Amino acid sequence: MSLVKRENAWPLDLVLTEDRVDRMFRDMFRGFFGEGWTDWAADNKPMKVEEYVEDGTYVIRAELPGIDPDTDVDITVADGILHLAASREERSEEDRPDGYRSEFHYGSLQRSLRLPEGATADDITATYGDGILEVRVPAPKEVDKPAAKIPITRG
């Protein structure tokens, strides 16, 4: 009888960690619950945004499919930081001949972004359409400040 070394049945790249199982589960059901549900279900994910400047206006676009902007979105400004928060909840109930079926999905996302220096909450506008929240912040006009000479005193 000879001893034969047995190799690990699982290659290292196939070892199932908690993160890998979570990712596999989300990928398996991607699209099953509708557009964006798998992203909303993962509370640790940040809100997807794009930022750019267009004609002197700072623009923030956030991907928020399937929400009601009147009730599900909260936009606040504090200390030069724009805070975006969104939550979504959907319930479905169905009476069937063989029984009753109820299902719900929910999730929340948050994101905080620094505003341009001098921007005020009064100038900010927000619109929502086709699953995209767009926030526009007019960039304040930069005023050239002359260089100031600092006197040196001897001690």
N, C-alpha and C. Protein backbone atom coordinates (compact mmCIF):
# COMPACT_ATOMS: atom_id res chain seq x y z
N MET A 1 0.84 -1.16 0.00
CA MET A 1 0.00 0.00 0.00
C MET A 1 0.89 1.23 0.00
N SER A 2 0.59 2.15 -0.88
CA SER A 2 1.38 3.38 -0.93
C SER A 2 0.48 4.56 -0.61
N LEU A 3 1.07 5.57 0.00
CA LEU A 3 0.34 6.78 0.33
C LEU A 3 0.40 7.73 -0.86
N VAL A 4 -0.74 8.28 -1.21
CA VAL A 4 -0.82 9.22 -2.31
C VAL A 4 -1.31 10.56 -1.75
N LYS A 5 -0.54 11.60 -2.04
CA LYS A 5 -0.93 12.91 -1.56
C LYS A 5 -2.15 13.39 -2.34
N ARG A 6 -3.16 13.78 -1.62
CA ARG A 6 -4.39 14.25 -2.24
C ARG A 6 -4.36 15.77 -2.31
N GLU A 7 -4.59 16.31 -3.49
CA GLU A 7 -4.61 17.76 -3.67
C GLU A 7 -5.94 18.30 -3.16
N ASN A 8 -5.93 19.56 -2.79
CA ASN A 8 -7.15 20.22 -2.33
C ASN A 8 -8.18 20.19 -3.46
N ALA A 9 -9.38 19.77 -3.15
CA ALA A 9 -10.43 19.67 -4.17
C ALA A 9 -10.89 21.04 -4.66
N TRP A 10 -10.68 22.07 -3.86
CA TRP A 10 -11.09 23.42 -4.22
C TRP A 10 -9.85 24.26 -4.54
N PRO A 11 -9.70 24.68 -5.77
CA PRO A 11 -8.60 25.61 -6.05
C PRO A 11 -8.80 26.88 -5.25
N LEU A 12 -7.72 27.57 -4.94
CA LEU A 12 -7.80 28.75 -4.08
C LEU A 12 -8.76 29.81 -4.60
N ASP A 13 -8.86 29.95 -5.92
CA ASP A 13 -9.75 30.99 -6.44
C ASP A 13 -11.22 30.58 -6.39
N LEU A 14 -11.52 29.36 -6.02
CA LEU A 14 -12.91 28.92 -5.92
C LEU A 14 -13.39 28.79 -4.48
N VAL A 15 -12.54 29.11 -3.51
CA VAL A 15 -12.96 29.03 -2.12
C VAL A 15 -14.07 30.04 -1.89
N LEU A 16 -15.16 29.60 -1.29
CA LEU A 16 -16.33 30.45 -1.11
C LEU A 16 -16.23 31.23 0.19
N THR A 17 -15.96 32.50 0.09
CA THR A 17 -15.98 33.38 1.24
C THR A 17 -17.37 34.00 1.34
N GLU A 18 -17.64 34.64 2.47
CA GLU A 18 -18.95 35.26 2.66
C GLU A 18 -19.20 36.32 1.59
N ASP A 19 -18.17 37.12 1.27
CA ASP A 19 -18.32 38.15 0.24
C ASP A 19 -18.59 37.53 -1.12
N ARG A 20 -17.90 36.45 -1.44
CA ARG A 20 -18.08 35.80 -2.74
C ARG A 20 -19.48 35.20 -2.85
N VAL A 21 -19.97 34.58 -1.78
CA VAL A 21 -21.31 34.00 -1.80
C VAL A 21 -22.35 35.11 -1.96
N ASP A 22 -22.15 36.23 -1.24
CA ASP A 22 -23.07 37.35 -1.35
C ASP A 22 -23.09 37.89 -2.78
N ARG A 23 -21.93 38.03 -3.40
CA ARG A 23 -21.85 38.53 -4.76
C ARG A 23 -22.50 37.55 -5.74
N MET A 24 -22.26 36.25 -5.54
CA MET A 24 -22.85 35.23 -6.42
C MET A 24 -24.38 35.26 -6.31
N PHE A 25 -24.89 35.42 -5.09
CA PHE A 25 -26.33 35.45 -4.87
C PHE A 25 -26.95 36.66 -5.57
N ARG A 26 -26.32 37.85 -5.40
CA ARG A 26 -26.85 39.05 -6.06
C ARG A 26 -26.81 38.90 -7.57
N ASP A 27 -25.71 38.36 -8.11
CA ASP A 27 -25.60 38.19 -9.55
C ASP A 27 -26.63 37.20 -10.09
N MET A 28 -26.91 36.16 -9.30
CA MET A 28 -27.85 35.13 -9.72
C MET A 28 -29.26 35.72 -9.89
N PHE A 29 -29.63 36.67 -9.03
CA PHE A 29 -30.97 37.24 -9.07
C PHE A 29 -31.01 38.61 -9.73
N ARG A 30 -29.90 39.04 -10.34
CA ARG A 30 -29.88 40.35 -11.01
C ARG A 30 -30.97 40.38 -12.09
N GLY A 31 -31.82 41.39 -12.03
CA GLY A 31 -32.88 41.52 -13.01
C GLY A 31 -34.17 40.80 -12.61
N PHE A 32 -34.09 39.82 -11.69
CA PHE A 32 -35.28 39.08 -11.30
C PHE A 32 -36.29 39.97 -10.58
N PHE A 33 -35.79 40.84 -9.70
CA PHE A 33 -36.67 41.72 -8.93
C PHE A 33 -36.90 43.05 -9.61
N GLY A 34 -36.41 43.22 -10.80
CA GLY A 34 -36.56 44.49 -11.50
C GLY A 34 -35.26 45.26 -11.48
N GLU A 35 -35.19 46.27 -12.30
CA GLU A 35 -33.97 47.06 -12.45
C GLU A 35 -33.56 47.70 -11.13
N GLY A 36 -32.34 47.47 -10.73
CA GLY A 36 -31.78 48.15 -9.58
C GLY A 36 -32.02 47.52 -8.23
N TRP A 37 -32.85 46.49 -8.13
CA TRP A 37 -33.14 45.93 -6.79
C TRP A 37 -31.92 45.33 -6.15
N THR A 38 -31.09 44.63 -6.91
CA THR A 38 -29.93 44.00 -6.29
C THR A 38 -28.97 45.04 -5.76
N ASP A 39 -28.87 46.21 -6.40
CA ASP A 39 -28.00 47.26 -5.90
C ASP A 39 -28.60 47.90 -4.65
N TRP A 40 -29.92 48.05 -4.62
CA TRP A 40 -30.56 48.64 -3.45
C TRP A 40 -30.51 47.72 -2.26
N ALA A 41 -30.50 46.43 -2.49
CA ALA A 41 -30.54 45.48 -1.38
C ALA A 41 -29.25 45.48 -0.59
N ALA A 42 -28.15 45.86 -1.18
CA ALA A 42 -26.87 45.87 -0.49
C ALA A 42 -26.68 47.23 0.18
N ASP A 43 -26.99 47.32 1.48
CA ASP A 43 -26.96 48.59 2.19
C ASP A 43 -25.55 49.17 2.30
N ASN A 44 -24.52 48.37 2.10
CA ASN A 44 -23.17 48.87 2.23
C ASN A 44 -22.67 49.56 0.96
N LYS A 45 -23.46 49.56 -0.07
CA LYS A 45 -23.04 50.16 -1.34
C LYS A 45 -23.36 51.66 -1.32
N PRO A 46 -22.43 52.48 -1.84
CA PRO A 46 -22.74 53.90 -1.92
C PRO A 46 -23.67 54.19 -3.09
N MET A 47 -24.33 55.33 -3.03
CA MET A 47 -25.19 55.77 -4.12
C MET A 47 -24.31 56.05 -5.33
N LYS A 48 -24.74 55.59 -6.50
CA LYS A 48 -23.97 55.84 -7.72
C LYS A 48 -24.24 57.26 -8.19
N VAL A 49 -23.17 58.06 -8.30
CA VAL A 49 -23.31 59.44 -8.76
C VAL A 49 -22.24 59.77 -9.77
N GLU A 50 -22.53 60.78 -10.57
CA GLU A 50 -21.51 61.37 -11.42
C GLU A 50 -21.53 62.87 -11.16
N GLU A 51 -20.35 63.48 -11.17
CA GLU A 51 -20.22 64.90 -10.90
C GLU A 51 -19.46 65.54 -12.06
N TYR A 52 -19.90 66.72 -12.47
CA TYR A 52 -19.19 67.46 -13.50
C TYR A 52 -19.61 68.92 -13.44
N VAL A 53 -18.85 69.76 -14.13
CA VAL A 53 -19.17 71.19 -14.21
C VAL A 53 -19.62 71.48 -15.63
N GLU A 54 -20.77 72.15 -15.74
CA GLU A 54 -21.35 72.48 -17.05
C GLU A 54 -21.75 73.94 -17.05
N ASP A 55 -21.11 74.75 -17.88
CA ASP A 55 -21.42 76.18 -18.00
C ASP A 55 -21.42 76.89 -16.64
N GLY A 56 -20.42 76.64 -15.84
CA GLY A 56 -20.32 77.30 -14.54
C GLY A 56 -21.25 76.76 -13.48
N THR A 57 -21.86 75.61 -13.73
CA THR A 57 -22.76 74.99 -12.76
C THR A 57 -22.23 73.61 -12.39
N TYR A 58 -22.14 73.36 -11.08
CA TYR A 58 -21.73 72.07 -10.56
C TYR A 58 -22.95 71.15 -10.63
N VAL A 59 -22.83 70.02 -11.36
CA VAL A 59 -23.96 69.11 -11.58
C VAL A 59 -23.67 67.77 -10.92
N ILE A 60 -24.64 67.27 -10.18
CA ILE A 60 -24.55 65.95 -9.56
C ILE A 60 -25.73 65.15 -10.08
N ARG A 61 -25.46 63.98 -10.65
CA ARG A 61 -26.52 63.10 -11.14
C ARG A 61 -26.42 61.79 -10.36
N ALA A 62 -27.53 61.39 -9.74
CA ALA A 62 -27.58 60.17 -8.94
C ALA A 62 -28.55 59.19 -9.56
N GLU A 63 -28.14 57.94 -9.65
CA GLU A 63 -28.98 56.88 -10.22
C GLU A 63 -29.89 56.34 -9.12
N LEU A 64 -31.21 56.64 -9.24
CA LEU A 64 -32.20 56.23 -8.25
C LEU A 64 -33.45 55.72 -8.94
N PRO A 65 -33.41 54.53 -9.53
CA PRO A 65 -34.57 54.04 -10.27
C PRO A 65 -35.73 53.65 -9.37
N GLY A 66 -36.94 53.89 -9.84
CA GLY A 66 -38.14 53.41 -9.18
C GLY A 66 -38.51 54.06 -7.87
N ILE A 67 -38.14 55.32 -7.67
CA ILE A 67 -38.51 55.99 -6.42
C ILE A 67 -39.52 57.09 -6.70
N ASP A 68 -40.16 57.54 -5.66
CA ASP A 68 -41.03 58.71 -5.73
C ASP A 68 -40.24 59.85 -5.10
N PRO A 69 -39.78 60.83 -5.89
CA PRO A 69 -38.93 61.87 -5.33
C PRO A 69 -39.60 62.72 -4.26
N ASP A 70 -40.92 62.78 -4.25
CA ASP A 70 -41.62 63.58 -3.25
C ASP A 70 -41.54 62.96 -1.86
N THR A 71 -41.52 61.64 -1.78
CA THR A 71 -41.55 60.98 -0.47
C THR A 71 -40.29 60.19 -0.14
N ASP A 72 -39.53 59.77 -1.15
CA ASP A 72 -38.42 58.84 -0.92
C ASP A 72 -37.04 59.49 -0.90
N VAL A 73 -36.93 60.77 -1.25
CA VAL A 73 -35.62 61.42 -1.34
C VAL A 73 -35.55 62.59 -0.37
N ASP A 74 -34.41 62.73 0.27
CA ASP A 74 -34.16 63.84 1.18
C ASP A 74 -32.84 64.49 0.79
N ILE A 75 -32.87 65.78 0.49
CA ILE A 75 -31.67 66.53 0.12
C ILE A 75 -31.49 67.64 1.14
N THR A 76 -30.34 67.67 1.81
CA THR A 76 -30.06 68.70 2.80
C THR A 76 -28.65 69.26 2.57
N VAL A 77 -28.43 70.47 3.06
CA VAL A 77 -27.12 71.11 3.00
C VAL A 77 -26.75 71.57 4.40
N ALA A 78 -25.54 71.21 4.83
CA ALA A 78 -25.04 71.63 6.14
C ALA A 78 -23.53 71.76 6.06
N ASP A 79 -23.03 72.91 6.49
CA ASP A 79 -21.58 73.17 6.55
C ASP A 79 -20.87 72.92 5.22
N GLY A 80 -21.49 73.32 4.12
CA GLY A 80 -20.87 73.18 2.82
C GLY A 80 -20.90 71.77 2.25
N ILE A 81 -21.69 70.89 2.84
CA ILE A 81 -21.81 69.50 2.40
C ILE A 81 -23.25 69.25 1.95
N LEU A 82 -23.40 68.69 0.76
CA LEU A 82 -24.72 68.30 0.25
C LEU A 82 -24.95 66.84 0.64
N HIS A 83 -26.03 66.58 1.35
CA HIS A 83 -26.37 65.22 1.79
C HIS A 83 -27.56 64.72 0.98
N LEU A 84 -27.39 63.60 0.29
CA LEU A 84 -28.46 62.95 -0.46
C LEU A 84 -28.82 61.66 0.26
N ALA A 85 -30.10 61.44 0.49
CA ALA A 85 -30.56 60.19 1.10
C ALA A 85 -31.81 59.74 0.36
N ALA A 86 -31.86 58.45 0.06
CA ALA A 86 -33.03 57.90 -0.64
C ALA A 86 -33.37 56.56 -0.03
N SER A 87 -34.66 56.29 0.04
CA SER A 87 -35.12 54.98 0.52
C SER A 87 -36.25 54.52 -0.38
N ARG A 88 -36.38 53.22 -0.46
CA ARG A 88 -37.41 52.67 -1.34
C ARG A 88 -38.00 51.44 -0.67
N GLU A 89 -39.30 51.32 -0.80
CA GLU A 89 -40.00 50.16 -0.25
C GLU A 89 -41.10 49.78 -1.23
N GLU A 90 -41.18 48.51 -1.53
CA GLU A 90 -42.22 48.03 -2.44
C GLU A 90 -42.83 46.77 -1.85
N ARG A 91 -44.14 46.72 -1.87
CA ARG A 91 -44.86 45.55 -1.36
C ARG A 91 -45.79 45.03 -2.46
N SER A 92 -45.92 43.73 -2.49
CA SER A 92 -46.91 43.14 -3.41
C SER A 92 -47.63 42.03 -2.66
N GLU A 93 -48.94 42.00 -2.82
CA GLU A 93 -49.77 40.99 -2.19
C GLU A 93 -50.65 40.37 -3.26
N GLU A 94 -50.86 39.09 -3.13
CA GLU A 94 -51.59 38.38 -4.17
C GLU A 94 -52.41 37.26 -3.54
N ASP A 95 -53.73 37.28 -3.82
CA ASP A 95 -54.59 36.17 -3.41
C ASP A 95 -54.64 35.17 -4.55
N ARG A 96 -54.28 33.96 -4.26
CA ARG A 96 -54.28 32.90 -5.27
C ARG A 96 -55.24 31.81 -4.83
N PRO A 97 -55.69 31.00 -5.77
CA PRO A 97 -56.56 29.89 -5.39
C PRO A 97 -55.88 28.93 -4.42
N ASP A 98 -54.56 28.79 -4.55
CA ASP A 98 -53.85 27.85 -3.68
C ASP A 98 -53.28 28.51 -2.43
N GLY A 99 -53.55 29.81 -2.21
CA GLY A 99 -53.06 30.47 -1.01
C GLY A 99 -52.80 31.95 -1.22
N TYR A 100 -52.16 32.52 -0.26
CA TYR A 100 -51.88 33.95 -0.25
C TYR A 100 -50.37 34.14 -0.37
N ARG A 101 -49.96 35.13 -1.17
CA ARG A 101 -48.54 35.39 -1.36
C ARG A 101 -48.29 36.88 -1.10
N SER A 102 -47.28 37.18 -0.27
CA SER A 102 -46.90 38.54 0.05
C SER A 102 -45.39 38.66 -0.08
N GLU A 103 -44.93 39.76 -0.65
CA GLU A 103 -43.49 39.96 -0.84
C GLU A 103 -43.18 41.43 -0.69
N PHE A 104 -42.02 41.75 -0.11
CA PHE A 104 -41.62 43.15 -0.02
C PHE A 104 -40.12 43.26 -0.25
N HIS A 105 -39.72 44.44 -0.73
CA HIS A 105 -38.33 44.77 -0.99
C HIS A 105 -38.10 46.17 -0.43
N TYR A 106 -36.95 46.40 0.15
CA TYR A 106 -36.66 47.74 0.64
C TYR A 106 -35.15 47.95 0.65
N GLY A 107 -34.76 49.20 0.70
CA GLY A 107 -33.34 49.54 0.76
C GLY A 107 -33.18 51.04 0.91
N SER A 108 -31.98 51.46 1.32
CA SER A 108 -31.70 52.88 1.46
C SER A 108 -30.27 53.16 1.04
N LEU A 109 -30.07 54.35 0.52
CA LEU A 109 -28.76 54.79 0.07
C LEU A 109 -28.51 56.20 0.57
N GLN A 110 -27.23 56.53 0.82
CA GLN A 110 -26.87 57.87 1.25
C GLN A 110 -25.56 58.26 0.59
N ARG A 111 -25.40 59.55 0.38
CA ARG A 111 -24.15 60.06 -0.18
C ARG A 111 -23.99 61.50 0.27
N SER A 112 -22.77 61.90 0.59
CA SER A 112 -22.46 63.28 0.97
C SER A 112 -21.36 63.80 0.05
N LEU A 113 -21.56 65.02 -0.46
CA LEU A 113 -20.63 65.62 -1.41
C LEU A 113 -20.32 67.05 -1.00
N ARG A 114 -19.06 67.43 -1.10
CA ARG A 114 -18.67 68.80 -0.78
C ARG A 114 -19.09 69.73 -1.91
N LEU A 115 -19.72 70.86 -1.51
CA LEU A 115 -20.15 71.86 -2.48
C LEU A 115 -19.02 72.83 -2.77
N PRO A 116 -19.09 73.53 -3.91
CA PRO A 116 -18.08 74.55 -4.20
C PRO A 116 -18.09 75.63 -3.12
N GLU A 117 -16.94 76.21 -2.87
CA GLU A 117 -16.80 77.27 -1.87
C GLU A 117 -17.76 78.42 -2.18
N GLY A 118 -18.55 78.84 -1.21
CA GLY A 118 -19.46 79.96 -1.38
C GLY A 118 -20.85 79.59 -1.87
N ALA A 119 -21.11 78.32 -2.18
CA ALA A 119 -22.44 77.90 -2.64
C ALA A 119 -23.42 77.93 -1.47
N THR A 120 -24.64 78.37 -1.75
CA THR A 120 -25.66 78.42 -0.70
C THR A 120 -26.84 77.52 -1.08
N ALA A 121 -27.57 77.08 -0.08
CA ALA A 121 -28.70 76.18 -0.29
C ALA A 121 -29.81 76.85 -1.12
N ASP A 122 -29.89 78.18 -1.06
CA ASP A 122 -30.94 78.89 -1.80
C ASP A 122 -30.78 78.78 -3.32
N ASP A 123 -29.55 78.56 -3.78
CA ASP A 123 -29.28 78.51 -5.22
C ASP A 123 -29.39 77.11 -5.81
N ILE A 124 -29.53 76.10 -4.98
CA ILE A 124 -29.51 74.70 -5.43
C ILE A 124 -30.89 74.31 -5.96
N THR A 125 -30.91 73.62 -7.12
CA THR A 125 -32.15 73.09 -7.68
C THR A 125 -31.99 71.60 -7.91
N ALA A 126 -33.10 70.86 -7.84
CA ALA A 126 -33.07 69.42 -8.05
C ALA A 126 -34.24 69.01 -8.92
N THR A 127 -33.98 68.08 -9.84
CA THR A 127 -35.03 67.54 -10.70
C THR A 127 -34.87 66.02 -10.74
N TYR A 128 -35.98 65.34 -11.05
CA TYR A 128 -35.96 63.88 -11.13
C TYR A 128 -36.69 63.45 -12.40
N GLY A 129 -36.06 62.58 -13.17
CA GLY A 129 -36.70 62.05 -14.36
C GLY A 129 -35.96 60.83 -14.88
N ASP A 130 -36.70 59.84 -15.34
CA ASP A 130 -36.14 58.61 -15.91
C ASP A 130 -35.16 57.93 -14.97
N GLY A 131 -35.45 57.94 -13.65
CA GLY A 131 -34.61 57.25 -12.68
C GLY A 131 -33.35 57.98 -12.29
N ILE A 132 -33.20 59.24 -12.73
CA ILE A 132 -32.00 60.02 -12.42
C ILE A 132 -32.38 61.27 -11.64
N LEU A 133 -31.77 61.45 -10.48
CA LEU A 133 -31.92 62.67 -9.70
C LEU A 133 -30.77 63.60 -10.11
N GLU A 134 -31.11 64.81 -10.53
CA GLU A 134 -30.09 65.77 -10.94
C GLU A 134 -30.14 66.98 -10.04
N VAL A 135 -29.01 67.29 -9.41
CA VAL A 135 -28.89 68.44 -8.52
C VAL A 135 -27.93 69.42 -9.18
N ARG A 136 -28.35 70.68 -9.29
CA ARG A 136 -27.53 71.72 -9.93
C ARG A 136 -27.21 72.80 -8.90
N VAL A 137 -25.91 73.11 -8.82
CA VAL A 137 -25.43 74.12 -7.89
C VAL A 137 -24.66 75.17 -8.69
N PRO A 138 -25.22 76.38 -8.83
CA PRO A 138 -24.47 77.41 -9.55
C PRO A 138 -23.17 77.72 -8.80
N ALA A 139 -22.06 77.66 -9.54
CA ALA A 139 -20.77 77.96 -8.92
C ALA A 139 -20.70 79.46 -8.67
N PRO A 140 -20.35 79.86 -7.45
CA PRO A 140 -20.25 81.29 -7.18
C PRO A 140 -19.10 81.90 -7.97
N LYS A 141 -19.28 83.15 -8.33
CA LYS A 141 -18.23 83.83 -9.09
C LYS A 141 -17.02 84.03 -8.19
N GLU A 142 -15.87 83.67 -8.71
CA GLU A 142 -14.63 83.82 -7.94
C GLU A 142 -14.17 85.26 -8.00
N VAL A 143 -13.89 85.80 -6.86
CA VAL A 143 -13.40 87.17 -6.78
C VAL A 143 -11.91 87.08 -6.50
N ASP A 144 -11.13 87.73 -7.37
CA ASP A 144 -9.68 87.74 -7.16
C ASP A 144 -9.36 88.60 -5.95
N LYS A 145 -8.76 87.96 -4.97
CA LYS A 145 -8.36 88.69 -3.78
C LYS A 145 -6.90 89.08 -3.95
N PRO A 146 -6.59 90.36 -3.73
CA PRO A 146 -5.19 90.77 -3.87
C PRO A 146 -4.34 90.12 -2.78
N ALA A 147 -3.11 89.89 -3.12
CA ALA A 147 -2.19 89.30 -2.14
C ALA A 147 -1.96 90.30 -1.02
N ALA A 148 -1.95 89.81 0.18
CA ALA A 148 -1.75 90.68 1.33
C ALA A 148 -0.34 90.49 1.86
N LYS A 149 0.32 91.58 2.17
CA LYS A 149 1.67 91.54 2.71
C LYS A 149 1.56 91.43 4.22
N ILE A 150 2.26 90.47 4.78
CA ILE A 150 2.25 90.23 6.22
C ILE A 150 3.53 90.84 6.80
N PRO A 151 3.39 91.79 7.72
CA PRO A 151 4.59 92.40 8.31
C PRO A 151 5.27 91.43 9.29
N ILE A 152 6.54 91.55 9.36
CA ILE A 152 7.34 90.72 10.27
C ILE A 152 7.83 91.62 11.41
N THR A 153 7.59 91.21 12.63
CA THR A 153 8.07 91.97 13.77
C THR A 153 9.24 91.25 14.40
N ARG A 154 10.17 92.00 14.89
CA ARG A 154 11.33 91.41 15.56
C ARG A 154 10.99 91.21 17.04
N GLY A 155 11.48 90.08 17.56
CA GLY A 155 11.15 89.77 18.92
C GLY A 155 12.24 89.87 19.89
